[in-house]
Amino acid sequence: MKYLLLIYFDEQVLSETERQACYVESTQLAREIEASGQYLASNPLHSTAMATTIRVRDGKRFVTDGPFAETREQLGGYFLIDAKHLDEAIGIAARIPMARRGTVEIRPVLEIPGLPTD
């Protein structure tokens, strides 16, 4: 089953040095789970200052600068993995560097027939 591991943290809490160290550690983790055949994708996201939100209501498009919600922690990146079960996904999520300073939400991916694939 595919799981999306959503990484939330306060984007103001890391220094640039800490951010770069997190990228290095996350890359190492990605390589480790790739070796086990569980890695599908991962990326950090730009800050919420770069976010744009869109809503369509009654056929009208509303575009807003900024994230969907103002919260203490922001969505900062993700890992998309293939795991046999939730416990295996939890084990991988616990190894994500930002799990030590933020939150990792684990969401099973609902696979819909007919979507394009790689």
C-alpha atoms as a PDB file:
ATOM      1  CA  MET A   1       0.000   0.000   0.000  1.00  0.00           C
ATOM      2  CA  LYS A   2       1.180   3.525  -0.709  1.00  0.00           C
ATOM      3  CA  TYR A   3       1.425   5.986   2.161  1.00  0.00           C
ATOM      4  CA  LEU A   4       1.975   9.738   2.024  1.00  0.00           C
ATOM      5  CA  LEU A   5       4.046  10.961   4.959  1.00  0.00           C
ATOM      6  CA  LEU A   6       3.243  14.660   5.377  1.00  0.00           C
ATOM      7  CA  ILE A   7       5.863  16.604   7.308  1.00  0.00           C
ATOM      8  CA  TYR A   8       4.657  19.551   9.389  1.00  0.00           C
ATOM      9  CA  PHE A   9       6.840  21.907  11.377  1.00  0.00           C
ATOM     10  CA  ASP A  10       7.255  25.559  12.279  1.00  0.00           C
ATOM     11  CA  GLU A  11       9.212  26.772   9.264  1.00  0.00           C
ATOM     12  CA  GLN A  12      10.663  29.660  11.286  1.00  0.00           C
ATOM     13  CA  VAL A  13      12.352  27.350  13.808  1.00  0.00           C
ATOM     14  CA  LEU A  14      15.254  26.097  11.654  1.00  0.00           C
ATOM     15  CA  SER A  15      18.404  28.030  10.898  1.00  0.00           C
ATOM     16  CA  GLU A  16      19.763  27.672   7.360  1.00  0.00           C
ATOM     17  CA  THR A  17      22.496  25.364   8.692  1.00  0.00           C
ATOM     18  CA  GLU A  18      19.898  23.166  10.427  1.00  0.00           C
ATOM     19  CA  ARG A  19      17.741  23.145   7.268  1.00  0.00           C
ATOM     20  CA  GLN A  20      20.675  21.977   5.131  1.00  0.00           C
ATOM     21  CA  ALA A  21      21.559  19.270   7.678  1.00  0.00           C
ATOM     22  CA  CYS A  22      17.942  18.104   7.587  1.00  0.00           C
ATOM     23  CA  TYR A  23      18.107  17.868   3.773  1.00  0.00           C
ATOM     24  CA  VAL A  24      21.263  15.749   3.999  1.00  0.00           C
ATOM     25  CA  GLU A  25      19.722  13.428   6.583  1.00  0.00           C
ATOM     26  CA  SER A  26      16.461  13.185   4.607  1.00  0.00           C
ATOM     27  CA  THR A  27      18.402  12.319   1.445  1.00  0.00           C
ATOM     28  CA  GLN A  28      20.200   9.536   3.335  1.00  0.00           C
ATOM     29  CA  LEU A  29      16.852   8.190   4.538  1.00  0.00           C
ATOM     30  CA  ALA A  30      15.455   8.314   0.990  1.00  0.00           C
ATOM     31  CA  ARG A  31      18.424   6.287  -0.251  1.00  0.00           C
ATOM     32  CA  GLU A  32      17.952   3.724   2.524  1.00  0.00           C
ATOM     33  CA  ILE A  33      14.264   3.188   1.831  1.00  0.00           C
ATOM     34  CA  GLU A  34      14.965   3.147  -1.924  1.00  0.00           C
ATOM     35  CA  ALA A  35      17.362   0.260  -1.334  1.00  0.00           C
ATOM     36  CA  SER A  36      14.529  -1.650   0.354  1.00  0.00           C
ATOM     37  CA  GLY A  37      12.169  -0.917  -2.554  1.00  0.00           C
ATOM     38  CA  GLN A  38       9.849   1.280  -0.499  1.00  0.00           C
ATOM     39  CA  TYR A  39      10.793   4.735  -1.820  1.00  0.00           C
ATOM     40  CA  LEU A  40       8.487   6.351  -4.374  1.00  0.00           C
ATOM     41  CA  ALA A  41       9.150  10.115  -4.012  1.00  0.00           C
ATOM     42  CA  SER A  42      10.002  12.898  -1.572  1.00  0.00           C
ATOM     43  CA  ASN A  43      10.609  16.628  -1.640  1.00  0.00           C
ATOM     44  CA  PRO A  44      10.748  19.570   0.702  1.00  0.00           C
ATOM     45  CA  LEU A  45       8.413  22.450  -0.097  1.00  0.00           C
ATOM     46  CA  HIS A  46       9.215  26.134  -0.416  1.00  0.00           C
ATOM     47  CA  SER A  47       8.053  28.277   2.503  1.00  0.00           C
ATOM     48  CA  THR A  48       4.433  29.297   2.902  1.00  0.00           C
ATOM     49  CA  ALA A  49       5.462  32.751   1.643  1.00  0.00           C
ATOM     50  CA  MET A  50       5.576  31.090  -1.805  1.00  0.00           C
ATOM     51  CA  ALA A  51       2.152  29.438  -1.438  1.00  0.00           C
ATOM     52  CA  THR A  52      -0.920  30.317  -3.475  1.00  0.00           C
ATOM     53  CA  THR A  53      -4.375  29.064  -2.573  1.00  0.00           C
ATOM     54  CA  ILE A  54      -7.278  28.689  -5.000  1.00  0.00           C
ATOM     55  CA  ARG A  55     -10.958  28.127  -4.364  1.00  0.00           C
ATOM     56  CA  VAL A  56     -13.722  27.895  -6.953  1.00  0.00           C
ATOM     57  CA  ARG A  57     -17.214  28.827  -5.721  1.00  0.00           C
ATOM     58  CA  ASP A  58     -20.230  29.164  -7.981  1.00  0.00           C
ATOM     59  CA  GLY A  59     -17.937  29.074 -11.010  1.00  0.00           C
ATOM     60  CA  LYS A  60     -15.779  31.958  -9.732  1.00  0.00           C
ATOM     61  CA  ARG A  61     -12.100  31.469  -9.037  1.00  0.00           C
ATOM     62  CA  PHE A  62     -10.635  33.008  -5.871  1.00  0.00           C
ATOM     63  CA  VAL A  63      -6.833  33.129  -5.708  1.00  0.00           C
ATOM     64  CA  THR A  64      -5.103  34.101  -2.468  1.00  0.00           C
ATOM     65  CA  ASP A  65      -1.422  34.502  -1.646  1.00  0.00           C
ATOM     66  CA  GLY A  66      -0.377  32.270   1.204  1.00  0.00           C
ATOM     67  CA  PRO A  67      -1.227  28.871   2.637  1.00  0.00           C
ATOM     68  CA  PHE A  68      -4.672  27.335   3.104  1.00  0.00           C
ATOM     69  CA  ALA A  69      -4.629  27.898   6.870  1.00  0.00           C
ATOM     70  CA  GLU A  70      -2.637  29.957   9.316  1.00  0.00           C
ATOM     71  CA  THR A  71      -1.273  27.430  11.795  1.00  0.00           C
ATOM     72  CA  ARG A  72       1.636  27.001  14.168  1.00  0.00           C
ATOM     73  CA  GLU A  73       3.081  24.244  11.977  1.00  0.00           C
ATOM     74  CA  GLN A  74       3.169  24.323   8.181  1.00  0.00           C
ATOM     75  CA  LEU A  75       3.347  21.548   5.599  1.00  0.00           C
ATOM     76  CA  GLY A  76       7.040  21.475   4.790  1.00  0.00           C
ATOM     77  CA  GLY A  77       7.519  18.368   2.678  1.00  0.00           C
ATOM     78  CA  TYR A  78       6.580  14.778   2.093  1.00  0.00           C
ATOM     79  CA  PHE A  79       7.708  11.230   1.468  1.00  0.00           C
ATOM     80  CA  LEU A  80       5.630   8.910  -0.696  1.00  0.00           C
ATOM     81  CA  ILE A  81       6.395   5.316   0.232  1.00  0.00           C
ATOM     82  CA  ASP A  82       5.230   1.781  -0.437  1.00  0.00           C
ATOM     83  CA  ALA A  83       4.794  -0.187   2.792  1.00  0.00           C
ATOM     84  CA  LYS A  84       3.206  -3.528   3.576  1.00  0.00           C
ATOM     85  CA  HIS A  85       1.121  -2.105   6.415  1.00  0.00           C
ATOM     86  CA  LEU A  86       0.681   0.880   8.717  1.00  0.00           C
ATOM     87  CA  ASP A  87       3.254  -0.332  11.259  1.00  0.00           C
ATOM     88  CA  GLU A  88       5.904  -0.395   8.537  1.00  0.00           C
ATOM     89  CA  ALA A  89       4.910   3.136   7.452  1.00  0.00           C
ATOM     90  CA  ILE A  90       5.117   4.293  11.074  1.00  0.00           C
ATOM     91  CA  GLY A  91       8.639   2.888  11.320  1.00  0.00           C
ATOM     92  CA  ILE A  92       9.734   4.881   8.284  1.00  0.00           C
ATOM     93  CA  ALA A  93       7.923   8.053   9.400  1.00  0.00           C
ATOM     94  CA  ALA A  94       9.691   7.917  12.758  1.00  0.00           C
ATOM     95  CA  ARG A  95      13.039   8.079  10.913  1.00  0.00           C
ATOM     96  CA  ILE A  96      12.208  11.353   9.135  1.00  0.00           C
ATOM     97  CA  PRO A  97      14.438  14.042  10.685  1.00  0.00           C
ATOM     98  CA  MET A  98      11.630  16.555  11.247  1.00  0.00           C
ATOM     99  CA  ALA A  99       9.654  13.993  13.270  1.00  0.00           C
ATOM    100  CA  ARG A 100      11.994  15.012  16.098  1.00  0.00           C
ATOM    101  CA  ARG A 101      10.962  18.686  15.868  1.00  0.00           C
ATOM    102  CA  GLY A 102       7.560  18.669  14.214  1.00  0.00           C
ATOM    103  CA  THR A 103       4.867  16.200  13.204  1.00  0.00           C
ATOM    104  CA  VAL A 104       4.609  13.562  10.493  1.00  0.00           C
ATOM    105  CA  GLU A 105       1.079  12.681   9.401  1.00  0.00           C
ATOM    106  CA  ILE A 106       0.705   9.272   7.757  1.00  0.00           C
ATOM    107  CA  ARG A 107      -2.060   9.001   5.167  1.00  0.00           C
ATOM    108  CA  PRO A 108      -2.823   5.911   3.085  1.00  0.00           C
ATOM    109  CA  VAL A 109      -3.117   6.781  -0.601  1.00  0.00           C
ATOM    110  CA  LEU A 110      -6.438   5.917  -2.195  1.00  0.00           C
ATOM    111  CA  GLU A 111      -5.620   4.502  -5.597  1.00  0.00           C
ATOM    112  CA  ILE A 112      -8.252   5.288  -8.218  1.00  0.00           C
ATOM    113  CA  PRO A 113      -8.389   3.226 -11.412  1.00  0.00           C
ATOM    114  CA  GLY A 114      -7.726   5.133 -14.613  1.00  0.00           C
ATOM    115  CA  LEU A 115      -5.251   7.686 -13.266  1.00  0.00           C
ATOM    116  CA  PRO A 116      -2.040   8.089 -15.296  1.00  0.00           C
ATOM    117  CA  THR A 117       0.971   6.200 -13.965  1.00  0.00           C
ATOM    118  CA  ASP A 118       4.724   6.630 -14.424  1.00  0.00           C
END
